[in-house]
Amino acid sequence: MKKPGQNQDQPTTAHTPQSKTRRKLLKLLGLGTGIGAAPSIAGNTNNLADALFETAGFLSDKTVLILYRPQDLLELKLTFTGYKKSSDNKSLVKTAGPFLLLVEFQPQSIAEQAWEETGGEEGQANLDEAAKKDLKWNNPNEPVLTGMIIGNPNINPGIKSIIPPAKTYISGKTRLVFDTKGKDNITLSPSSLLDWSNFQMVVNKRATCTPVFSVEDIRTPIYDNKNIIAPKNIEPIKTEPVTLPNNNNNNNPNPGRRITNPPVNSRDTLRRQVELNRNTRAAGRDEANTIAKNELPIAVVKDDAGLLANISAFLNSNKPAPIGENETSIEAPYRLFLSPNQFAAWKQEALLQNRPDLQGTQFSTYELWHTRLASTNCRGTLDNSRATKGIKTIRALWGTDINGDWTQKPERDYSPDGKMDFVGLNKFITSLYNDDRHCIVHQTSNFGITGFTPKPIQVNNLMLSTLGAWLDAIVEFKRPELKNVLSDLNMLKWKHIATLARDHYVEVVYAGNMYPFGHEAALVRITERKPKNGFAGNWQRYFVAITEEEKKYNPVNKENKHNAFPFSTIKIITAATPTIKSPSKFTSAIIGNNDHQFVPTMANGKPFVFKLVGYDFDGGDVSFEMPLVFVSTNVSLNDSQAFHEGNINKLNSAYNNNPIGKVSFRNQQMALARSTKPGETHYETASVIFNGRFDKNESPGFIPSTESLDVFVSAVENITGQRKPLKIQLEDDRNAGGVIAKLHPSTSKMAVNFNGSGNKTGGSLSPNFSITGLSRTYGAISGKIEDVKNKLMDPASFFDTSAKLFGIIPLSSIIKATTDLLAGESPIPTLKNIETDEARITQYTWKGAKLVKQDFFGKMLTFDPANDARLIIETSLYRYKGNKPNALIVDSSISGFDIILAGLAKVGFKKVGFKTGANTKTDFTVDMKNPALEFLGPLTFINILQKYIPADGFSDPPFLDITTSGITSGYTLALPDVQLGAFTLRNINLGASVSLSFTGGPLIMRFNFCEKHQPFQLTVSALGGGGFLALEFDVKGLRTLEAALEFGAAASINLGVASGAVSIMGGVYFKITKTEEGKEITIEGYVRINGALSVLGLITVSLEFLLSLTANLETVNGKDKVTKVWGKATLKIKIEIFFFSKTVKLETSREFAGAGADPTFTMLVSEKDWLEYCDTFAA
């Protein structure tokens, strides 16, 4: 007896559940009856050959053995078809085929509940102390993890909690099927029963590794092996062309043609290659490269889609279906049935082997029995060199809960048993779902899809044992490979690592796009086992990875429609999001899973903000941040692989009404359209509202657009001093007027008001307008957008009602748009920015305006221009890039016009001009006609004064007062005193002035004969008097008329020792002022008495008495009434003694109500009545 630890055949239980075979029964019943007793052709059989094969299997002998070895937990069910026990029960002998071995394993996979990670540092879940109250936790001091799934029904439904242990579901059994190749005798011993190295794997035809050739290879007269594409890690095999004999047995579709690698039996193809290295040791790196280069089976070199693949799919079962009972089927992971290819082999230990360090002792430790997937070499024997690891592949052939039609992708089922009754907090979250399995099966084994070639799953490790499977497998798809199936089959990657039936790391990646910009992206879901809170559970996390960094756009689509998008390229800087919350539908209007369309959201509930850079059509870049929507291709494509217009329009509708589309651009400069000159379409952008539109000609079926942009028009700001954003919509810039944007319909017009900035347009002119759009040519524009697009202007719609000449004449009424212009002139004012190497220049230019005659206010005012009258404005504001100070240069003028005021006066102007520069003084010119002012009607008598006023008196005026509010230019002419005997006339002067407001006030003209503070004086002997007259009017008419006259007598006496003087004067003062309500008239009469007495010049006594009576007339209820009359008396006495002076002033006044005034409270209530009233309510 051998010592423990030595290799030996351990007793293995082997028994047959049935002692009699069906052969004896068939002999009794006869062949026909036997066939009748055979099962009907199953629905999962692929053709007649399969049906006959199964029928033959039913008729064959079957021997079932159970292998059980407790030392290494070996437990297998072996079913031999076509064999029966020998008479001595020591072996199995061959009877009638088919000769198969079915090896049945215990369940190999467990579906385990996972918990979702909701973000936080390193993907950790959030801790919620408040949740402890609602949970039954083993240790009440331990923190409770929240934000996950699976809650106790008794727990607060608003809290998702973890309650270990995880729920689990176990898979069904696994079987391996081998063709024994008709082996005559099989010994009933572990070493013999567990030696499958000489057997051929029996797999479903969809699992085979088939030589594939491209369509071009079939159609080309000579096969060109250079066209055969090899996998990246394998160099193609170089073979010499061969000529097949021209005979009827040749299966080549064109006998006698020279071909390379004809599609003959795959095993024959393998045997024609150089044999693999016979040494069973692992090959070195150089050896492995040599083997891969020269000795790899040609059957697996080609992985491109081709005609023969379609032929093979036609002959074989090309669409997924349940696996046949006599075919290999491995259920791992849960509910997913895998199968290796026909080159697969299995490597396992048949005998027990004790640990080397325990041999010779009474202790024994054995490794768990397992079998490992390997592959065969060209001779059909087990390859131990790993040179054929490229063909160690599997395919997923079926799933319990998938749909056989690849276009009918099932809705995600969170129930482990397929009943779809696990929803909300009770949903069973695990590593793979039914929709995942649907994609895996069809993308790896469905040969019936036109234009798509399924790809096998590369296996790094696959081991089967009694305790479950080890699995390390991966399959990856490039997005172009899925272009014909992306509507339903959009899995880009599946990586699965499991140990002893339990998942350790499962990664699934799905294709999608980021809305609204359309960049290709991938949704990654990783389920990974991590130790947390005292137990190692599976934790599931999501994140989105950007697979297309940059995406370019055209300003117009293929239908020649403007896209209203200012960027040529959008670059997403963020490569991937951190761990995000479990996806939630962006819009419920679209049917599908939650992760088909969602906004990546962080654990705090806020959308994740992607960092992006936009490149405008001038090449400038702006950075911004915004949330994006992940949209799966399941949503954007329909079953015909065309863009799903219905879903995309629903997505557009939801997004265009969602605030996440509004993005701050932090006042960065960007071009809104293509520029012909530097900076002409650049605007400071505060924010942009993005939206999406369906476009059948652009991938992925939607394109980005803009709903509105909030921009600052710096040209307007520089001219007017106003800073506020303008909400605009982009327009197609392909028009004569260069219009690039229009005012957004939801916003009010932005008024460009020059009333406070008249110094930038010449003072006399306020060309106010409301912005309705932006133009590459004209900058900020007004009026009808369609007119400006055609370089036309309607003054009535272009200018605001506040746009005035001289503060009163509406510009829209005196401007006539014309196309009869000089070179460089435009009927549309231009307000724009221009950038040079030295400065940024804001220009306001208007040279194309022609003036027309127009009456206003019922002919109270008439603007009468000459034929050559012109209006010119040229304003340039320079903002230098260096240290040079900013400069404002203005050159504006209006020439050749008359203003007639109510038929009373006509003022003729040759030119009203305004100039200012960086290094020159401000020059304001009013060049008047001759005569400059002509009074009409009842004021004709004043025309006599014209001979004293020079016509060019204002061209080089004696005084010029410039303030921030305007300019006053005037002329004063002093006349010499006149004395003829007792007659004396002195202090005579004439004056005129023009005031031009920069703040929007009207042009004011003033003429005066003397002044109130300096009246003329007229004396005749002891009698005398004086006075003044002043007129002030604007283009509306008379503003103020002011006049005063006084008369009296004066006498004086001088006695040497004493002297004295006395005067008595009386006068009338009259003033009429026009107000908004009407007019205001003031009439004042007064008496003034002055007297003085001086003694020896040492003592002086002076006395002044003033008595005045004033009446105020105002317009009340449309009638002129005396509203107030008041009198005032003042007595002032002054005494001077030597250096001492004392003045005493006494004053009294009395006011009388006028006819139109309201009575005062005192007039209505007497003092007695008031006191009685107060006593009544006293406490």
Foldseek 3Di string as FASTA:
>chain_A
DDDPQDWDFDDWFWDFPDQDWCQVVCVVVDDVVLLVPFDAQDPQDWDPVSSVQSSVQNNWGKGWIWTADVQQGDTKIKIWTQWDADPVRFKIFGHDDDTKIKIKFAFFFKFWFAWAQADDVVSHADWDLVQLVFDDDPDSPDTWGWQIFADDPSGDLVIQGDDDDIDMDTAGMFIWMWRPVNDGMFGPTLVRVVDCQNTWTFAALLQALAQADAAVQLVDQEGDCVPFAFPPVADAADDDWDFDAQDPVDPRPDHRGTYDPDRDDQLVQLLVFDFQDPDLDADDPVSLNVCRHGRARNRNGGDDHHDVLLVSCVVHPQFFDDTDPNHGWHCPHHQWTKDHHRQKDKDWDSTWHFDPVCPPHNDGHTHNTKIKIFGAHSVSGTHNHCSHLVRRWMATRDGPQADRDQQCQDFWAQDPVPPSPQDRRRGRDGQDTRSRSSLRRCQARRSPQPQADRHTKRWPIWMQGNQHIFGWIKDADDQVRCLQPQLRRFWGMWTWGDDSNHTAKIKIKGWWAWPPAGFIKIKIKMWHWDDDPHDTRTYIWIKMFGPGFKDADDQADPVRHGQQDFFGMKGWPDGMDGTHRDAAALDPVDDHDRLQKGWGHHSVRHGDKTWMWTQGPVRDIAIWIFIIMIHGSNQQAHNRSFGDQVSVVVVQVSLLPDVRQKIARPQDWDASHDAPAPPLRIWRWGIWRKTWDADRVDPPRIHIHTLWTWTWAVLLCVQQVDTDTFIWTADPQPFPLQFGIFGRPVDDWDKSWQLLRLLQFQQQWTQIFTFGGAGSFAGTFWFDPVQSSHLHDQLVGGGDQQGAGLLPHGPNVFWDIDPPDDPPAGQTWGWTWHDDPWWIKTWTWHWRTDTDWDAPDVNQKIKAFDPPWTWTWIWIWTDTPDPDDIKIWIWIKTAGIWMQGHQFKIAAWGMFIWTDIDPDDTATATQTDVQGMATGDPPNVCCVCSVVQDRRCQGDDPDWDDDSFWIKGKHKAADQWDDDPQKTKHQWMKMKMWIRTSNSHGIKIKIKTGDPVGWIKIGGHFKIKTKMWMWMATSNGTFKTWMKIKIWGKDWDPPPQKIKIKIKMKMKIWMWGADPVGIKIKIKIKIKIKMKMAGNNFKIKIKIKMKMKMWMWDQDPNDIWGAKIKIKIKIKMWMGGHPDIDIDIDMDMDMDGIDPYDDDPCVVDPPVRVVVVVVVPDD
